[in-house]
C-alpha atoms as a PDB file:
ATOM      1  CA  UNK A   1      42.765 -11.269  11.336  1.00  0.00           C
ATOM      2  CA  UNK A   2      41.393 -11.282  15.026  1.00  0.00           C
ATOM      3  CA  UNK A   3      40.896 -14.119  17.231  1.00  0.00           C
ATOM      4  CA  UNK A   4      38.836 -13.613  20.710  1.00  0.00           C
ATOM      5  CA  UNK A   5      39.223 -16.265  23.076  1.00  0.00           C
ATOM      6  CA  UNK A   6      35.727 -18.084  23.617  1.00  0.00           C
ATOM      7  CA  UNK A   7      34.487 -16.500  20.738  1.00  0.00           C
ATOM      8  CA  UNK A   8      33.389 -19.482  18.634  1.00  0.00           C
ATOM      9  CA  UNK A   9      30.082 -20.510  18.137  1.00  0.00           C
ATOM     10  CA  UNK A  10      28.902 -22.893  20.662  1.00  0.00           C
ATOM     11  CA  UNK A  11      27.903 -25.860  18.431  1.00  0.00           C
ATOM     12  CA  UNK A  12      28.383 -29.540  18.455  1.00  0.00           C
ATOM     13  CA  UNK A  13      29.729 -31.823  15.785  1.00  0.00           C
ATOM     14  CA  UNK A  14      26.296 -33.554  15.635  1.00  0.00           C
ATOM     15  CA  UNK A  15      24.402 -30.449  14.866  1.00  0.00           C
ATOM     16  CA  UNK A  16      26.403 -30.336  11.355  1.00  0.00           C
ATOM     17  CA  UNK A  17      26.367 -33.957  10.621  1.00  0.00           C
ATOM     18  CA  UNK A  18      22.585 -34.376  11.486  1.00  0.00           C
ATOM     19  CA  UNK A  19      21.181 -30.990  11.254  1.00  0.00           C
ATOM     20  CA  UNK A  20      17.900 -29.844  12.495  1.00  0.00           C
ATOM     21  CA  UNK A  21      15.168 -30.248   9.703  1.00  0.00           C
ATOM     22  CA  UNK A  22      14.829 -26.724   7.630  1.00  0.00           C
ATOM     23  CA  UNK A  23      11.528 -25.407   8.175  1.00  0.00           C
ATOM     24  CA  UNK A  24       9.629 -22.690   6.084  1.00  0.00           C
ATOM     25  CA  UNK A  25      11.964 -20.688   3.337  1.00  0.00           C
ATOM     26  CA  UNK A  26      15.747 -20.557   3.415  1.00  0.00           C
ATOM     27  CA  UNK A  27      17.381 -17.267   3.183  1.00  0.00           C
ATOM     28  CA  UNK A  28      20.526 -15.732   1.879  1.00  0.00           C
ATOM     29  CA  UNK A  29      22.983 -14.182   4.522  1.00  0.00           C
ATOM     30  CA  UNK A  30      25.827 -11.681   4.060  1.00  0.00           C
ATOM     31  CA  UNK A  31      28.399 -12.448   6.805  1.00  0.00           C
ATOM     32  CA  UNK A  32      30.865  -9.706   6.904  1.00  0.00           C
ATOM     33  CA  UNK A  33      33.397 -10.939   9.481  1.00  0.00           C
ATOM     34  CA  UNK A  34      37.320 -10.726   9.303  1.00  0.00           C
ATOM     35  CA  UNK A  35      38.171 -13.577  11.855  1.00  0.00           C
ATOM     36  CA  UNK A  36      38.378 -16.603   9.042  1.00  0.00           C
ATOM     37  CA  UNK A  37      37.817 -19.212  11.742  1.00  0.00           C
ATOM     38  CA  UNK A  38      34.947 -17.719  13.352  1.00  0.00           C
ATOM     39  CA  UNK A  39      33.356 -16.894  10.094  1.00  0.00           C
ATOM     40  CA  UNK A  40      34.103 -20.290   8.248  1.00  0.00           C
ATOM     41  CA  UNK A  41      32.465 -22.196  11.690  1.00  0.00           C
ATOM     42  CA  UNK A  42      29.314 -19.963  11.578  1.00  0.00           C
ATOM     43  CA  UNK A  43      28.772 -20.075   7.741  1.00  0.00           C
ATOM     44  CA  UNK A  44      29.146 -23.956   8.039  1.00  0.00           C
ATOM     45  CA  UNK A  45      26.506 -24.294  10.748  1.00  0.00           C
ATOM     46  CA  UNK A  46      24.098 -21.949   8.803  1.00  0.00           C
ATOM     47  CA  UNK A  47      24.839 -23.707   5.363  1.00  0.00           C
ATOM     48  CA  UNK A  48      23.970 -27.192   7.019  1.00  0.00           C
ATOM     49  CA  UNK A  49      20.630 -25.417   7.850  1.00  0.00           C
ATOM     50  CA  UNK A  50      19.692 -24.755   4.333  1.00  0.00           C
ATOM     51  CA  UNK A  51      20.664 -21.405   3.954  1.00  0.00           C
ATOM     52  CA  UNK A  52      23.131 -19.427   1.595  1.00  0.00           C
ATOM     53  CA  UNK A  53      25.977 -17.879   3.157  1.00  0.00           C
ATOM     54  CA  UNK A  54      28.498 -15.232   1.296  1.00  0.00           C
ATOM     55  CA  UNK A  55      31.382 -14.266   3.737  1.00  0.00           C
ATOM     56  CA  UNK A  56      33.664 -11.218   3.334  1.00  0.00           C
ATOM     57  CA  UNK A  57      36.500 -10.187   5.587  1.00  0.00           C
ATOM     58  CA  UNK A  58      36.759  -6.523   4.452  1.00  0.00           C
ATOM     59  CA  UNK A  59      34.513  -3.818   5.474  1.00  0.00           C
ATOM     60  CA  UNK A  60      34.615  -1.922   2.294  1.00  0.00           C
ATOM     61  CA  UNK A  61      33.992  -4.923   0.442  1.00  0.00           C
ATOM     62  CA  UNK A  62      31.134  -5.932   2.548  1.00  0.00           C
ATOM     63  CA  UNK A  63      29.420  -2.777   1.921  1.00  0.00           C
ATOM     64  CA  UNK A  64      29.359  -3.241  -1.983  1.00  0.00           C
ATOM     65  CA  UNK A  65      28.469  -6.447  -1.650  1.00  0.00           C
ATOM     66  CA  UNK A  66      25.574  -5.525   0.996  1.00  0.00           C
ATOM     67  CA  UNK A  67      24.451  -2.783  -1.564  1.00  0.00           C
ATOM     68  CA  UNK A  68      23.952  -5.051  -4.385  1.00  0.00           C
ATOM     69  CA  UNK A  69      20.777  -5.910  -2.482  1.00  0.00           C
ATOM     70  CA  UNK A  70      21.316  -9.779  -2.970  1.00  0.00           C
ATOM     71  CA  UNK A  71      20.832 -10.765   0.539  1.00  0.00           C
ATOM     72  CA  UNK A  72      17.974 -11.255   2.935  1.00  0.00           C
ATOM     73  CA  UNK A  73      20.045 -10.233   6.174  1.00  0.00           C
ATOM     74  CA  UNK A  74      23.513  -8.758   7.235  1.00  0.00           C
ATOM     75  CA  UNK A  75      25.541 -10.210  10.025  1.00  0.00           C
ATOM     76  CA  UNK A  76      28.168  -7.452  10.603  1.00  0.00           C
ATOM     77  CA  UNK A  77      31.228  -7.620  12.842  1.00  0.00           C
ATOM     78  CA  UNK A  78      31.758  -4.306  14.586  1.00  0.00           C
ATOM     79  CA  UNK A  79      35.486  -3.819  14.385  1.00  0.00           C
ATOM     80  CA  UNK A  80      36.833  -4.769  10.565  1.00  0.00           C
ATOM     81  CA  UNK A  81      39.711  -3.632   8.542  1.00  0.00           C
ATOM     82  CA  UNK A  82      39.169  -0.602   5.933  1.00  0.00           C
ATOM     83  CA  UNK A  83      35.915   0.450   7.283  1.00  0.00           C
ATOM     84  CA  UNK A  84      34.359  -0.431  10.813  1.00  0.00           C
ATOM     85  CA  UNK A  85      30.856  -2.032  11.234  1.00  0.00           C
ATOM     86  CA  UNK A  86      29.367   1.128  12.258  1.00  0.00           C
ATOM     87  CA  UNK A  87      30.197   2.967   9.477  1.00  0.00           C
ATOM     88  CA  UNK A  88      28.684   0.229   7.022  1.00  0.00           C
ATOM     89  CA  UNK A  89      25.545   0.129   9.050  1.00  0.00           C
ATOM     90  CA  UNK A  90      24.908   3.909   8.828  1.00  0.00           C
ATOM     91  CA  UNK A  91      25.472   3.830   4.975  1.00  0.00           C
ATOM     92  CA  UNK A  92      23.216   0.711   4.708  1.00  0.00           C
ATOM     93  CA  UNK A  93      20.507   2.566   6.720  1.00  0.00           C
ATOM     94  CA  UNK A  94      20.759   5.628   4.310  1.00  0.00           C
ATOM     95  CA  UNK A  95      20.064   3.329   1.236  1.00  0.00           C
ATOM     96  CA  UNK A  96      18.376   0.428   1.934  1.00  0.00           C
ATOM     97  CA  UNK A  97      16.163  -1.514   4.626  1.00  0.00           C
ATOM     98  CA  UNK A  98      18.090  -4.826   4.695  1.00  0.00           C
ATOM     99  CA  UNK A  99      17.863  -6.533   8.103  1.00  0.00           C
ATOM    100  CA  UNK A 100      21.496  -5.676   9.893  1.00  0.00           C
ATOM    101  CA  UNK A 101      22.503  -8.223  13.079  1.00  0.00           C
ATOM    102  CA  UNK A 102      25.940  -6.600  14.813  1.00  0.00           C
ATOM    103  CA  UNK A 103      28.421  -9.212  16.229  1.00  0.00           C
ATOM    104  CA  UNK A 104      31.006  -7.994  18.423  1.00  0.00           C
ATOM    105  CA  UNK A 105      33.484  -8.836  21.061  1.00  0.00           C
ATOM    106  CA  UNK A 106      32.586  -5.274  22.556  1.00  0.00           C
ATOM    107  CA  UNK A 107      30.019  -6.064  25.328  1.00  0.00           C
ATOM    108  CA  UNK A 108      29.256  -2.885  27.023  1.00  0.00           C
ATOM    109  CA  UNK A 109      25.759  -1.405  26.883  1.00  0.00           C
ATOM    110  CA  UNK A 110      26.928   1.791  25.092  1.00  0.00           C
ATOM    111  CA  UNK A 111      28.347  -0.034  22.214  1.00  0.00           C
ATOM    112  CA  UNK A 112      25.300  -2.065  21.746  1.00  0.00           C
ATOM    113  CA  UNK A 113      23.012   1.177  22.079  1.00  0.00           C
ATOM    114  CA  UNK A 114      25.353   2.890  19.578  1.00  0.00           C
ATOM    115  CA  UNK A 115      25.017  -0.306  16.930  1.00  0.00           C
ATOM    116  CA  UNK A 116      21.106  -0.004  17.493  1.00  0.00           C
ATOM    117  CA  UNK A 117      21.210   3.895  17.098  1.00  0.00           C
ATOM    118  CA  UNK A 118      23.160   3.611  13.634  1.00  0.00           C
ATOM    119  CA  UNK A 119      20.242   1.480  12.292  1.00  0.00           C
ATOM    120  CA  UNK A 120      21.047  -2.048  13.400  1.00  0.00           C
ATOM    121  CA  UNK A 121      17.919  -4.656  14.179  1.00  0.00           C
ATOM    122  CA  UNK A 122      19.566  -6.692  16.548  1.00  0.00           C
ATOM    123  CA  UNK A 123      22.670  -7.085  18.534  1.00  0.00           C
ATOM    124  CA  UNK A 124      24.983 -10.577  19.768  1.00  0.00           C
ATOM    125  CA  UNK A 125      27.951 -10.131  21.471  1.00  0.00           C
ATOM    126  CA  UNK A 126      30.633 -12.745  21.316  1.00  0.00           C
ATOM    127  CA  UNK A 127      30.981 -15.638  22.380  1.00  0.00           C
ATOM    128  CA  UNK A 128      27.539 -16.447  21.050  1.00  0.00           C
ATOM    129  CA  UNK A 129      25.335 -19.585  20.585  1.00  0.00           C
ATOM    130  CA  UNK A 130      24.967 -20.372  16.746  1.00  0.00           C
ATOM    131  CA  UNK A 131      21.354 -21.655  17.501  1.00  0.00           C
ATOM    132  CA  UNK A 132      20.406 -18.206  18.769  1.00  0.00           C
ATOM    133  CA  UNK A 133      22.141 -16.438  16.049  1.00  0.00           C
ATOM    134  CA  UNK A 134      20.352 -18.552  13.585  1.00  0.00           C
ATOM    135  CA  UNK A 135      16.861 -17.942  15.611  1.00  0.00           C
ATOM    136  CA  UNK A 136      17.480 -14.018  15.371  1.00  0.00           C
ATOM    137  CA  UNK A 137      18.375 -14.366  11.739  1.00  0.00           C
ATOM    138  CA  UNK A 138      14.665 -16.379  11.249  1.00  0.00           C
ATOM    139  CA  UNK A 139      13.005 -13.908  12.945  1.00  0.00           C
ATOM    140  CA  UNK A 140      14.660 -10.696  11.230  1.00  0.00           C
ATOM    141  CA  UNK A 141      13.962 -12.620   7.636  1.00  0.00           C
ATOM    142  CA  UNK A 142      10.398 -12.980   8.358  1.00  0.00           C
ATOM    143  CA  UNK A 143      10.038  -9.793   9.556  1.00  0.00           C
ATOM    144  CA  UNK A 144      11.476  -8.159   6.515  1.00  0.00           C
ATOM    145  CA  UNK A 145       9.385 -10.583   4.428  1.00  0.00           C
ATOM    146  CA  UNK A 146       6.324  -9.065   6.001  1.00  0.00           C
ATOM    147  CA  UNK A 147       5.211 -12.599   7.896  1.00  0.00           C
ATOM    148  CA  UNK A 148       5.020 -11.428  11.305  1.00  0.00           C
ATOM    149  CA  UNK A 149       1.922 -10.322  12.454  1.00  0.00           C
ATOM    150  CA  UNK A 150      -1.706 -10.366  11.375  1.00  0.00           C
ATOM    151  CA  UNK A 151      -2.161 -10.115   7.682  1.00  0.00           C
ATOM    152  CA  UNK A 152      -4.086  -6.750   7.795  1.00  0.00           C
ATOM    153  CA  UNK A 153      -3.629  -4.742   4.279  1.00  0.00           C
ATOM    154  CA  UNK A 154      -3.338  -1.255   5.916  1.00  0.00           C
ATOM    155  CA  UNK A 155      -3.297  -0.066   9.709  1.00  0.00           C
ATOM    156  CA  UNK A 156      -4.476   3.930   9.688  1.00  0.00           C
ATOM    157  CA  UNK A 157      -4.011   5.732  13.262  1.00  0.00           C
ATOM    158  CA  UNK A 158      -4.537   9.502  11.974  1.00  0.00           C
ATOM    159  CA  UNK A 159      -2.228  10.506   9.092  1.00  0.00           C
ATOM    160  CA  UNK A 160      -0.374   7.130   9.612  1.00  0.00           C
ATOM    161  CA  UNK A 161      -0.733   4.535   7.261  1.00  0.00           C
ATOM    162  CA  UNK A 162       1.268   1.196   7.448  1.00  0.00           C
ATOM    163  CA  UNK A 163       1.113  -1.630   5.017  1.00  0.00           C
ATOM    164  CA  UNK A 164       2.578  -4.807   6.727  1.00  0.00           C
ATOM    165  CA  UNK A 165       2.531  -6.949   3.670  1.00  0.00           C
ATOM    166  CA  UNK A 166       5.445  -4.999   2.274  1.00  0.00           C
ATOM    167  CA  UNK A 167       6.757  -3.223   4.988  1.00  0.00           C
ATOM    168  CA  UNK A 168       5.978   0.092   4.191  1.00  0.00           C
ATOM    169  CA  UNK A 169       4.425   3.019   5.737  1.00  0.00           C
ATOM    170  CA  UNK A 170       3.476   6.933   5.116  1.00  0.00           C
ATOM    171  CA  UNK A 171       2.618   9.949   7.325  1.00  0.00           C
ATOM    172  CA  UNK A 172       0.374  12.583   5.995  1.00  0.00           C
ATOM    173  CA  UNK A 173       1.116  11.156   2.594  1.00  0.00           C
ATOM    174  CA  UNK A 174       4.929  11.315   3.199  1.00  0.00           C
ATOM    175  CA  UNK A 175       6.669   7.786   2.676  1.00  0.00           C
ATOM    176  CA  UNK A 176       8.601   6.668   6.019  1.00  0.00           C
ATOM    177  CA  UNK A 177      11.963   5.231   5.695  1.00  0.00           C
ATOM    178  CA  UNK A 178      11.934   2.227   8.574  1.00  0.00           C
ATOM    179  CA  UNK A 179      14.106  -0.454   9.348  1.00  0.00           C
ATOM    180  CA  UNK A 180      12.453  -3.870   9.820  1.00  0.00           C
ATOM    181  CA  UNK A 181      12.508  -3.346  13.512  1.00  0.00           C
ATOM    182  CA  UNK A 182      11.480   0.302  13.334  1.00  0.00           C
ATOM    183  CA  UNK A 183       8.408  -1.053  11.270  1.00  0.00           C
ATOM    184  CA  UNK A 184       7.577  -3.893  13.955  1.00  0.00           C
ATOM    185  CA  UNK A 185       7.574  -1.846  16.678  1.00  0.00           C
ATOM    186  CA  UNK A 186       5.639   0.810  15.216  1.00  0.00           C
ATOM    187  CA  UNK A 187       2.976  -1.552  13.841  1.00  0.00           C
ATOM    188  CA  UNK A 188       2.615  -3.046  17.103  1.00  0.00           C
ATOM    189  CA  UNK A 189       2.077   0.326  18.912  1.00  0.00           C
ATOM    190  CA  UNK A 190      -0.334   1.231  15.835  1.00  0.00           C
ATOM    191  CA  UNK A 191      -2.344  -1.770  16.397  1.00  0.00           C
ATOM    192  CA  UNK A 192      -2.968  -0.889  19.772  1.00  0.00           C
ATOM    193  CA  UNK A 193      -3.307   2.998  19.376  1.00  0.00           C
ATOM    194  CA  UNK A 194      -3.918   4.841  22.656  1.00  0.00           C
ATOM    195  CA  UNK A 195      -2.865   2.061  24.704  1.00  0.00           C
ATOM    196  CA  UNK A 196      -0.083   1.986  27.338  1.00  0.00           C
ATOM    197  CA  UNK A 197       2.609  -0.701  26.463  1.00  0.00           C
ATOM    198  CA  UNK A 198       5.615  -1.629  28.681  1.00  0.00           C
ATOM    199  CA  UNK A 199       8.898  -2.399  27.454  1.00  0.00           C
ATOM    200  CA  UNK A 200       8.645  -6.062  28.286  1.00  0.00           C
ATOM    201  CA  UNK A 201       4.960  -6.314  26.261  1.00  0.00           C
ATOM    202  CA  UNK A 202       6.847  -4.473  23.414  1.00  0.00           C
ATOM    203  CA  UNK A 203       9.845  -6.935  23.599  1.00  0.00           C
ATOM    204  CA  UNK A 204       7.003  -9.830  23.817  1.00  0.00           C
ATOM    205  CA  UNK A 205       4.843  -8.356  20.641  1.00  0.00           C
ATOM    206  CA  UNK A 206       7.552  -7.581  18.492  1.00  0.00           C
ATOM    207  CA  UNK A 207       9.234 -11.221  19.124  1.00  0.00           C
ATOM    208  CA  UNK A 208      12.617  -9.389  20.253  1.00  0.00           C
ATOM    209  CA  UNK A 209      15.392 -10.661  22.418  1.00  0.00           C
ATOM    210  CA  UNK A 210      13.981 -10.468  26.095  1.00  0.00           C
ATOM    211  CA  UNK A 211      17.523  -9.838  27.436  1.00  0.00           C
ATOM    212  CA  UNK A 212      18.495  -7.025  29.475  1.00  0.00           C
ATOM    213  CA  UNK A 213      20.650  -5.236  26.671  1.00  0.00           C
ATOM    214  CA  UNK A 214      18.162  -5.215  24.251  1.00  0.00           C
ATOM    215  CA  UNK A 215      15.433  -4.030  26.696  1.00  0.00           C
ATOM    216  CA  UNK A 216      17.265  -1.011  27.517  1.00  0.00           C
ATOM    217  CA  UNK A 217      17.791  -0.641  23.633  1.00  0.00           C
ATOM    218  CA  UNK A 218      13.839  -0.276  23.358  1.00  0.00           C
ATOM    219  CA  UNK A 219      14.476   3.575  24.051  1.00  0.00           C
ATOM    220  CA  UNK A 220      17.032   3.692  21.090  1.00  0.00           C
ATOM    221  CA  UNK A 221      14.260   2.356  18.949  1.00  0.00           C
ATOM    222  CA  UNK A 222      11.817   4.636  20.035  1.00  0.00           C
ATOM    223  CA  UNK A 223      13.705   7.518  19.682  1.00  0.00           C
ATOM    224  CA  UNK A 224      14.702   6.702  16.164  1.00  0.00           C
ATOM    225  CA  UNK A 225      11.110   6.233  15.160  1.00  0.00           C
ATOM    226  CA  UNK A 226      10.070   9.283  16.793  1.00  0.00           C
ATOM    227  CA  UNK A 227      12.814  11.228  14.777  1.00  0.00           C
ATOM    228  CA  UNK A 228      11.471   9.720  11.456  1.00  0.00           C
ATOM    229  CA  UNK A 229       8.127  10.742  12.373  1.00  0.00           C
ATOM    230  CA  UNK A 230       9.017  13.999  12.540  1.00  0.00           C
ATOM    231  CA  UNK A 231       7.978  13.903  16.472  1.00  0.00           C
ATOM    232  CA  UNK A 232       9.614  16.809  19.040  1.00  0.00           C
ATOM    233  CA  UNK A 233      11.261  14.418  21.503  1.00  0.00           C
ATOM    234  CA  UNK A 234      10.955  17.059  24.287  1.00  0.00           C
ATOM    235  CA  UNK A 235       6.963  17.293  23.641  1.00  0.00           C
ATOM    236  CA  UNK A 236       5.948  14.533  21.309  1.00  0.00           C
ATOM    237  CA  UNK A 237       2.347  14.322  20.163  1.00  0.00           C
ATOM    238  CA  UNK A 238       2.684  10.986  18.245  1.00  0.00           C
ATOM    239  CA  UNK A 239       4.768   8.883  20.277  1.00  0.00           C
ATOM    240  CA  UNK A 240       4.399   9.438  23.698  1.00  0.00           C
ATOM    241  CA  UNK A 241       6.576   8.413  26.970  1.00  0.00           C
ATOM    242  CA  UNK A 242       4.398   7.575  29.930  1.00  0.00           C
ATOM    243  CA  UNK A 243       6.439   7.970  32.913  1.00  0.00           C
ATOM    244  CA  UNK A 244       7.320   4.711  34.900  1.00  0.00           C
ATOM    245  CA  UNK A 245       4.851   2.929  32.592  1.00  0.00           C
ATOM    246  CA  UNK A 246       5.720   2.689  29.204  1.00  0.00           C
ATOM    247  CA  UNK A 247       4.828   4.111  25.672  1.00  0.00           C
ATOM    248  CA  UNK A 248       1.707   4.640  23.913  1.00  0.00           C
ATOM    249  CA  UNK A 249       1.171   5.793  20.064  1.00  0.00           C
ATOM    250  CA  UNK A 250      -1.686   8.629  20.155  1.00  0.00           C
ATOM    251  CA  UNK A 251      -4.793   7.396  18.835  1.00  0.00           C
ATOM    252  CA  UNK A 252      -5.642  10.434  16.454  1.00  0.00           C
ATOM    253  CA  UNK A 253      -8.533  11.265  18.724  1.00  0.00           C
ATOM    254  CA  UNK A 254      -7.094  13.559  21.045  1.00  0.00           C
ATOM    255  CA  UNK A 255      -7.951  17.250  20.766  1.00  0.00           C
END
């Protein structure tokens, strides 16, 4: 077991004794964390807000549990016994679109970006605020359930089709396997096809965390979406970079 000084969630006993009223649907959390005290405190906080939490402190067991498909969101530590968080994230992304938020004591930008490139939807560094964790979990679950954005039946841009209600999409009839964060980002761009969006606008429209680390990770999300669209990163025809301005999804009307 590993204990990181100052890594305990920042909440008061009053939060547990008099939790905030639970709003909306509750959800099921898989917490893969080998720091027993941190895991217990985090689980207790989430449970007092009406959510179900399964705690596992072993990487291999955590992966097996996540693959059962019984949880709405996975909170994944980076450094775990037997199987690390990055390996777990990579394996989950190859087989499921369950929302993943990575939590780790490592605070370097490279570690954050690497986690996102492996398929994580969001990232928190220890020490973290339990209220912020809960807010991010709610946002990820809403996205996973298709409760973010306008309730349009289908969004079409050229050969791209997106169905917000079930978070699915296709390109030229080929199904796209997108994470929740990737889908939301692509949907936001598709709804504004042909229009340049800055990183700040993308963060606001996707309801992301507007901190410096997540801002830089927009590039990692864009890179992964391009890969899944089959776009040439050196000369993309669909998801384009406008130097010094931002990104745009081609409207399909270009020659």
